[in-house]
PDB file of all heavy atoms in Angstrom:
ATOM      1  N   ARG A   1       0.832  -1.206   0.000  1.00  0.00           N
ATOM      2  CA  ARG A   1       0.000   0.000   0.000  1.00  0.00           C
ATOM      3  C   ARG A   1       0.865   1.253   0.000  1.00  0.00           C
ATOM      4  O   ARG A   1       0.606   2.210  -0.735  1.00  0.00           O
ATOM      5  CB  ARG A   1      -0.925   0.001   1.230  1.00  0.00           C
ATOM      6  CG  ARG A   1      -2.122  -0.911   1.112  1.00  0.00           C
ATOM      7  CD  ARG A   1      -3.159  -0.588   2.173  1.00  0.00           C
ATOM      8  NE  ARG A   1      -2.607  -0.699   3.522  1.00  0.00           N
ATOM      9  CZ  ARG A   1      -2.624  -1.816   4.235  1.00  0.00           C
ATOM     10  NH1 ARG A   1      -3.138  -2.922   3.730  1.00  0.00           N
ATOM     11  NH2 ARG A   1      -2.114  -1.843   5.451  1.00  0.00           N
ATOM     12  N   LYS A   2       1.896   1.240   0.807  1.00  0.00           N
ATOM     13  CA  LYS A   2       2.772   2.407   0.883  1.00  0.00           C
ATOM     14  C   LYS A   2       3.468   2.655  -0.445  1.00  0.00           C
ATOM     15  O   LYS A   2       3.617   3.803  -0.885  1.00  0.00           O
ATOM     16  CB  LYS A   2       3.810   2.204   1.982  1.00  0.00           C
ATOM     17  CG  LYS A   2       4.697   3.424   2.221  1.00  0.00           C
ATOM     18  CD  LYS A   2       5.636   3.200   3.395  1.00  0.00           C
ATOM     19  CE  LYS A   2       6.516   4.442   3.617  1.00  0.00           C
ATOM     20  NZ  LYS A   2       7.453   4.248   4.753  1.00  0.00           N
ATOM     21  N   ALA A   3       3.870   1.590  -1.127  1.00  0.00           N
ATOM     22  CA  ALA A   3       4.565   1.739  -2.414  1.00  0.00           C
ATOM     23  C   ALA A   3       3.651   2.343  -3.463  1.00  0.00           C
ATOM     24  O   ALA A   3       4.040   3.250  -4.205  1.00  0.00           O
ATOM     25  CB  ALA A   3       5.086   0.385  -2.877  1.00  0.00           C
ATOM     26  N   PHE A   4       2.409   1.862  -3.537  1.00  0.00           N
ATOM     27  CA  PHE A   4       1.500   2.328  -4.574  1.00  0.00           C
ATOM     28  C   PHE A   4       0.898   3.695  -4.265  1.00  0.00           C
ATOM     29  O   PHE A   4       0.448   4.394  -5.174  1.00  0.00           O
ATOM     30  CB  PHE A   4       0.387   1.306  -4.798  1.00  0.00           C
ATOM     31  CG  PHE A   4       0.851   0.072  -5.502  1.00  0.00           C
ATOM     32  CD1 PHE A   4       0.806  -1.169  -4.878  1.00  0.00           C
ATOM     33  CD2 PHE A   4       1.359   0.134  -6.789  1.00  0.00           C
ATOM     34  CE1 PHE A   4       1.247  -2.310  -5.520  1.00  0.00           C
ATOM     35  CE2 PHE A   4       1.802  -0.998  -7.451  1.00  0.00           C
ATOM     36  CZ  PHE A   4       1.751  -2.220  -6.812  1.00  0.00           C
ATOM     37  N   GLU A   5       0.906   4.081  -3.009  1.00  0.00           N
ATOM     38  CA  GLU A   5       0.355   5.384  -2.651  1.00  0.00           C
ATOM     39  C   GLU A   5       1.391   6.498  -2.717  1.00  0.00           C
ATOM     40  O   GLU A   5       1.065   7.663  -2.567  1.00  0.00           O
ATOM     41  CB  GLU A   5      -0.228   5.326  -1.231  1.00  0.00           C
ATOM     42  CG  GLU A   5      -1.487   4.453  -1.127  1.00  0.00           C
ATOM     43  CD  GLU A   5      -1.913   4.209   0.309  1.00  0.00           C
ATOM     44  OE1 GLU A   5      -1.205   4.711   1.219  1.00  0.00           O
ATOM     45  OE2 GLU A   5      -2.924   3.515   0.514  1.00  0.00           O
ATOM     46  N   GLY A   6       2.658   6.145  -2.956  1.00  0.00           N
ATOM     47  CA  GLY A   6       3.718   7.144  -3.017  1.00  0.00           C
ATOM     48  C   GLY A   6       3.613   8.032  -4.243  1.00  0.00           C
ATOM     49  O   GLY A   6       3.039   7.656  -5.261  1.00  0.00           O
ATOM     50  N   LYS A   7       4.172   9.215  -4.151  1.00  0.00           N
ATOM     51  CA  LYS A   7       4.183  10.130  -5.290  1.00  0.00           C
ATOM     52  C   LYS A   7       5.215   9.663  -6.306  1.00  0.00           C
ATOM     53  O   LYS A   7       6.234   9.074  -5.965  1.00  0.00           O
ATOM     54  CB  LYS A   7       4.519  11.550  -4.815  1.00  0.00           C
ATOM     55  CG  LYS A   7       3.477  12.127  -3.861  1.00  0.00           C
ATOM     56  CD  LYS A   7       3.856  13.540  -3.448  1.00  0.00           C
ATOM     57  CE  LYS A   7       2.799  14.130  -2.510  1.00  0.00           C
ATOM     58  NZ  LYS A   7       3.158  15.503  -2.071  1.00  0.00           N
ATOM     59  N   SER A   8       4.926   9.958  -7.585  1.00  0.00           N
ATOM     60  CA  SER A   8       5.806   9.490  -8.652  1.00  0.00           C
ATOM     61  C   SER A   8       7.178  10.127  -8.598  1.00  0.00           C
ATOM     62  O   SER A   8       8.141   9.572  -9.108  1.00  0.00           O
ATOM     63  CB  SER A   8       5.163   9.775 -10.015  1.00  0.00           C
ATOM     64  OG  SER A   8       4.936  11.170 -10.174  1.00  0.00           O
ATOM     65  N   ASP A   9       7.291  11.310  -7.995  1.00  0.00           N
ATOM     66  CA  ASP A   9       8.584  12.008  -7.960  1.00  0.00           C
ATOM     67  C   ASP A   9       9.358  11.729  -6.671  1.00  0.00           C
ATOM     68  O   ASP A   9      10.385  12.337  -6.416  1.00  0.00           O
ATOM     69  CB  ASP A   9       8.376  13.510  -8.123  1.00  0.00           C
ATOM     70  CG  ASP A   9       7.512  14.103  -7.009  1.00  0.00           C
ATOM     71  OD1 ASP A   9       6.842  13.319  -6.307  1.00  0.00           O
ATOM     72  OD2 ASP A   9       7.513  15.337  -6.849  1.00  0.00           O
ATOM     73  N   LYS A  10       8.879  10.777  -5.870  1.00  0.00           N
ATOM     74  CA  LYS A  10       9.544  10.495  -4.607  1.00  0.00           C
ATOM     75  C   LYS A  10       9.398   9.018  -4.282  1.00  0.00           C
ATOM     76  O   LYS A  10       8.305   8.448  -4.377  1.00  0.00           O
ATOM     77  CB  LYS A  10       8.933  11.338  -3.479  1.00  0.00           C
ATOM     78  CG  LYS A  10       9.648  11.168  -2.142  1.00  0.00           C
ATOM     79  CD  LYS A  10       9.016  12.070  -1.092  1.00  0.00           C
ATOM     80  CE  LYS A  10       9.722  11.925   0.254  1.00  0.00           C
ATOM     81  NZ  LYS A  10       9.105  12.784   1.285  1.00  0.00           N
ATOM     82  N   ARG A  11      10.497   8.392  -3.913  1.00  0.00           N
ATOM     83  CA  ARG A  11      10.446   6.970  -3.556  1.00  0.00           C
ATOM     84  C   ARG A  11       9.629   6.785  -2.286  1.00  0.00           C
ATOM     85  O   ARG A  11       9.912   7.398  -1.253  1.00  0.00           O
ATOM     86  CB  ARG A  11      11.859   6.431  -3.368  1.00  0.00           C
ATOM     87  CG  ARG A  11      11.893   4.980  -2.891  1.00  0.00           C
ATOM     88  CD  ARG A  11      13.294   4.462  -2.732  1.00  0.00           C
ATOM     89  NE  ARG A  11      13.944   4.260  -4.019  1.00  0.00           N
ATOM     90  CZ  ARG A  11      15.179   3.789  -4.145  1.00  0.00           C
ATOM     91  NH1 ARG A  11      15.879   3.501  -3.066  1.00  0.00           N
ATOM     92  NH2 ARG A  11      15.712   3.626  -5.337  1.00  0.00           N
ATOM     93  N   ALA A  12       8.606   5.948  -2.373  1.00  0.00           N
ATOM     94  CA  ALA A  12       7.717   5.754  -1.233  1.00  0.00           C
ATOM     95  C   ALA A  12       8.340   4.846  -0.177  1.00  0.00           C
ATOM     96  O   ALA A  12       8.095   5.016   1.011  1.00  0.00           O
ATOM     97  CB  ALA A  12       6.382   5.183  -1.697  1.00  0.00           C
ATOM     98  N   LEU A  13       9.140   3.880  -0.600  1.00  0.00           N
ATOM     99  CA  LEU A  13       9.739   2.920   0.315  1.00  0.00           C
ATOM    100  C   LEU A  13      11.232   3.169   0.436  1.00  0.00           C
ATOM    101  O   LEU A  13      11.905   3.479  -0.548  1.00  0.00           O
ATOM    102  CB  LEU A  13       9.509   1.488  -0.169  1.00  0.00           C
ATOM    103  CG  LEU A  13       8.063   1.000  -0.292  1.00  0.00           C
ATOM    104  CD1 LEU A  13       8.041  -0.433  -0.784  1.00  0.00           C
ATOM    105  CD2 LEU A  13       7.340   1.121   1.036  1.00  0.00           C
ATOM    106  N   SER A  14      11.739   2.990   1.627  1.00  0.00           N
ATOM    107  CA  SER A  14      13.181   3.078   1.829  1.00  0.00           C
ATOM    108  C   SER A  14      13.843   1.808   1.312  1.00  0.00           C
ATOM    109  O   SER A  14      13.175   0.808   1.017  1.00  0.00           O
ATOM    110  CB  SER A  14      13.492   3.245   3.313  1.00  0.00           C
ATOM    111  OG  SER A  14      13.133   2.064   4.028  1.00  0.00           O
ATOM    112  N   LYS A  15      15.155   1.822   1.206  1.00  0.00           N
ATOM    113  CA  LYS A  15      15.893   0.645   0.762  1.00  0.00           C
ATOM    114  C   LYS A  15      15.619  -0.538   1.675  1.00  0.00           C
ATOM    115  O   LYS A  15      15.438  -1.678   1.217  1.00  0.00           O
ATOM    116  CB  LYS A  15      17.387   0.960   0.727  1.00  0.00           C
ATOM    117  CG  LYS A  15      18.260  -0.187   0.269  1.00  0.00           C
ATOM    118  CD  LYS A  15      19.719   0.217   0.237  1.00  0.00           C
ATOM    119  CE  LYS A  15      20.603  -0.945  -0.191  1.00  0.00           C
ATOM    120  NZ  LYS A  15      22.052  -0.544  -0.217  1.00  0.00           N
ATOM    121  N   GLU A  16      15.584  -0.288   2.980  1.00  0.00           N
ATOM    122  CA  GLU A  16      15.349  -1.362   3.945  1.00  0.00           C
ATOM    123  C   GLU A  16      13.930  -1.913   3.806  1.00  0.00           C
ATOM    124  O   GLU A  16      13.704  -3.124   3.936  1.00  0.00           O
ATOM    125  CB  GLU A  16      15.578  -0.850   5.364  1.00  0.00           C
ATOM    126  CG  GLU A  16      17.027  -0.533   5.695  1.00  0.00           C
ATOM    127  CD  GLU A  16      17.522   0.752   5.021  1.00  0.00           C
ATOM    128  OE1 GLU A  16      16.655   1.590   4.636  1.00  0.00           O
ATOM    129  OE2 GLU A  16      18.746   0.910   4.885  1.00  0.00           O
ATOM    130  N   GLU A  17      12.951  -1.032   3.541  1.00  0.00           N
ATOM    131  CA  GLU A  17      11.566  -1.492   3.394  1.00  0.00           C
ATOM    132  C   GLU A  17      11.391  -2.317   2.123  1.00  0.00           C
ATOM    133  O   GLU A  17      10.642  -3.304   2.104  1.00  0.00           O
ATOM    134  CB  GLU A  17      10.629  -0.290   3.375  1.00  0.00           C
ATOM    135  CG  GLU A  17      10.452   0.363   4.738  1.00  0.00           C
ATOM    136  CD  GLU A  17       9.624   1.631   4.671  1.00  0.00           C
ATOM    137  OE1 GLU A  17       9.761   2.389   3.671  1.00  0.00           O
ATOM    138  OE2 GLU A  17       8.844   1.881   5.607  1.00  0.00           O
ATOM    139  N   ILE A  18      12.072  -1.935   1.046  1.00  0.00           N
ATOM    140  CA  ILE A  18      12.011  -2.716  -0.192  1.00  0.00           C
ATOM    141  C   ILE A  18      12.574  -4.114   0.045  1.00  0.00           C
ATOM    142  O   ILE A  18      12.036  -5.118  -0.428  1.00  0.00           O
ATOM    143  CB  ILE A  18      12.784  -1.998  -1.315  1.00  0.00           C
ATOM    144  CG1 ILE A  18      12.090  -0.685  -1.681  1.00  0.00           C
ATOM    145  CG2 ILE A  18      12.906  -2.890  -2.553  1.00  0.00           C
ATOM    146  CD1 ILE A  18      12.857   0.160  -2.670  1.00  0.00           C
ATOM    147  N   GLN A  19      13.660  -4.178   0.803  1.00  0.00           N
ATOM    148  CA  GLN A  19      14.256  -5.475   1.119  1.00  0.00           C
ATOM    149  C   GLN A  19      13.299  -6.326   1.950  1.00  0.00           C
ATOM    150  O   GLN A  19      13.129  -7.525   1.683  1.00  0.00           O
ATOM    151  CB  GLN A  19      15.563  -5.266   1.889  1.00  0.00           C
ATOM    152  CG  GLN A  19      16.240  -6.561   2.326  1.00  0.00           C
ATOM    153  CD  GLN A  19      17.582  -6.306   2.985  1.00  0.00           C
ATOM    154  OE1 GLN A  19      18.356  -5.461   2.547  1.00  0.00           O
ATOM    155  NE2 GLN A  19      17.852  -7.023   4.064  1.00  0.00           N
ATOM    156  N   ARG A  20      12.670  -5.715   2.953  1.00  0.00           N
ATOM    157  CA  ARG A  20      11.705  -6.448   3.785  1.00  0.00           C
ATOM    158  C   ARG A  20      10.529  -6.950   2.956  1.00  0.00           C
ATOM    159  O   ARG A  20      10.051  -8.071   3.137  1.00  0.00           O
ATOM    160  CB  ARG A  20      11.219  -5.560   4.923  1.00  0.00           C
ATOM    161  CG  ARG A  20      12.220  -5.423   6.077  1.00  0.00           C
ATOM    162  CD  ARG A  20      11.827  -4.301   7.012  1.00  0.00           C
ATOM    163  NE  ARG A  20      10.392  -4.222   7.252  1.00  0.00           N
ATOM    164  CZ  ARG A  20       9.760  -3.097   7.585  1.00  0.00           C
ATOM    165  NH1 ARG A  20      10.432  -1.958   7.701  1.00  0.00           N
ATOM    166  NH2 ARG A  20       8.454  -3.105   7.784  1.00  0.00           N
ATOM    167  N   LEU A  21      10.050  -6.110   2.036  1.00  0.00           N
ATOM    168  CA  LEU A  21       8.936  -6.505   1.171  1.00  0.00           C
ATOM    169  C   LEU A  21       9.324  -7.714   0.325  1.00  0.00           C
ATOM    170  O   LEU A  21       8.579  -8.687   0.230  1.00  0.00           O
ATOM    171  CB  LEU A  21       8.534  -5.334   0.275  1.00  0.00           C
ATOM    172  CG  LEU A  21       7.500  -5.637  -0.825  1.00  0.00           C
ATOM    173  CD1 LEU A  21       6.200  -6.131  -0.214  1.00  0.00           C
ATOM    174  CD2 LEU A  21       7.254  -4.390  -1.690  1.00  0.00           C
ATOM    175  N   GLY A  22      10.509  -7.659  -0.290  1.00  0.00           N
ATOM    176  CA  GLY A  22      10.954  -8.752  -1.143  1.00  0.00           C
ATOM    177  C   GLY A  22      11.107 -10.056  -0.393  1.00  0.00           C
ATOM    178  O   GLY A  22      10.727 -11.129  -0.893  1.00  0.00           O
ATOM    179  N   GLU A  23      11.654  -9.998   0.816  1.00  0.00           N
ATOM    180  CA  GLU A  23      11.869 -11.214   1.586  1.00  0.00           C
ATOM    181  C   GLU A  23      10.551 -11.767   2.130  1.00  0.00           C
ATOM    182  O   GLU A  23      10.381 -12.987   2.217  1.00  0.00           O
ATOM    183  CB  GLU A  23      12.857 -10.947   2.710  1.00  0.00           C
ATOM    184  CG  GLU A  23      14.262 -10.646   2.198  1.00  0.00           C
ATOM    185  CD  GLU A  23      15.296 -10.529   3.295  1.00  0.00           C
ATOM    186  OE1 GLU A  23      14.912 -10.660   4.480  1.00  0.00           O
ATOM    187  OE2 GLU A  23      16.479 -10.313   2.973  1.00  0.00           O
ATOM    188  N   ALA A  24       9.617 -10.887   2.495  1.00  0.00           N
ATOM    189  CA  ALA A  24       8.310 -11.361   2.959  1.00  0.00           C
ATOM    190  C   ALA A  24       7.570 -12.067   1.822  1.00  0.00           C
ATOM    191  O   ALA A  24       6.943 -13.113   2.026  1.00  0.00           O
ATOM    192  CB  ALA A  24       7.486 -10.197   3.489  1.00  0.00           C
ATOM    193  N   LEU A  25       7.636 -11.517   0.614  1.00  0.00           N
ATOM    194  CA  LEU A  25       7.016 -12.158  -0.541  1.00  0.00           C
ATOM    195  C   LEU A  25       7.639 -13.543  -0.781  1.00  0.00           C
ATOM    196  O   LEU A  25       6.937 -14.514  -1.062  1.00  0.00           O
ATOM    197  CB  LEU A  25       7.185 -11.283  -1.782  1.00  0.00           C
ATOM    198  CG  LEU A  25       6.291 -10.047  -1.865  1.00  0.00           C
ATOM    199  CD1 LEU A  25       6.799  -9.096  -2.948  1.00  0.00           C
ATOM    200  CD2 LEU A  25       4.844 -10.427  -2.147  1.00  0.00           C
ATOM    201  N   PHE A  26       8.951 -13.606  -0.675  1.00  0.00           N
ATOM    202  CA  PHE A  26       9.638 -14.886  -0.886  1.00  0.00           C
ATOM    203  C   PHE A  26       9.198 -15.912   0.151  1.00  0.00           C
ATOM    204  O   PHE A  26       8.941 -17.078  -0.176  1.00  0.00           O
ATOM    205  CB  PHE A  26      11.149 -14.680  -0.824  1.00  0.00           C
ATOM    206  CG  PHE A  26      11.932 -15.914  -1.169  1.00  0.00           C
ATOM    207  CD1 PHE A  26      12.275 -16.190  -2.491  1.00  0.00           C
ATOM    208  CD2 PHE A  26      12.318 -16.815  -0.184  1.00  0.00           C
ATOM    209  CE1 PHE A  26      12.974 -17.347  -2.819  1.00  0.00           C
ATOM    210  CE2 PHE A  26      13.027 -17.962  -0.505  1.00  0.00           C
ATOM    211  CZ  PHE A  26      13.361 -18.224  -1.823  1.00  0.00           C
ATOM    212  N   ASN A  27       9.095 -15.512   1.413  1.00  0.00           N
ATOM    213  CA  ASN A  27       8.715 -16.440   2.472  1.00  0.00           C
ATOM    214  C   ASN A  27       7.274 -16.926   2.318  1.00  0.00           C
ATOM    215  O   ASN A  27       6.940 -18.034   2.756  1.00  0.00           O
ATOM    216  CB  ASN A  27       8.899 -15.780   3.841  1.00  0.00           C
ATOM    217  CG  ASN A  27      10.366 -15.689   4.229  1.00  0.00           C
ATOM    218  OD1 ASN A  27      11.144 -16.600   3.977  1.00  0.00           O
ATOM    219  ND2 ASN A  27      10.748 -14.582   4.845  1.00  0.00           N
TER     220      ASN A  27
END
């Protein structure tokens, strides 16, 4: 939700949050 609600000119997720998202999807 946070990723899709972010503005196009600004990264909505931090590097650490992107990593957490990827690993949660994998698990």
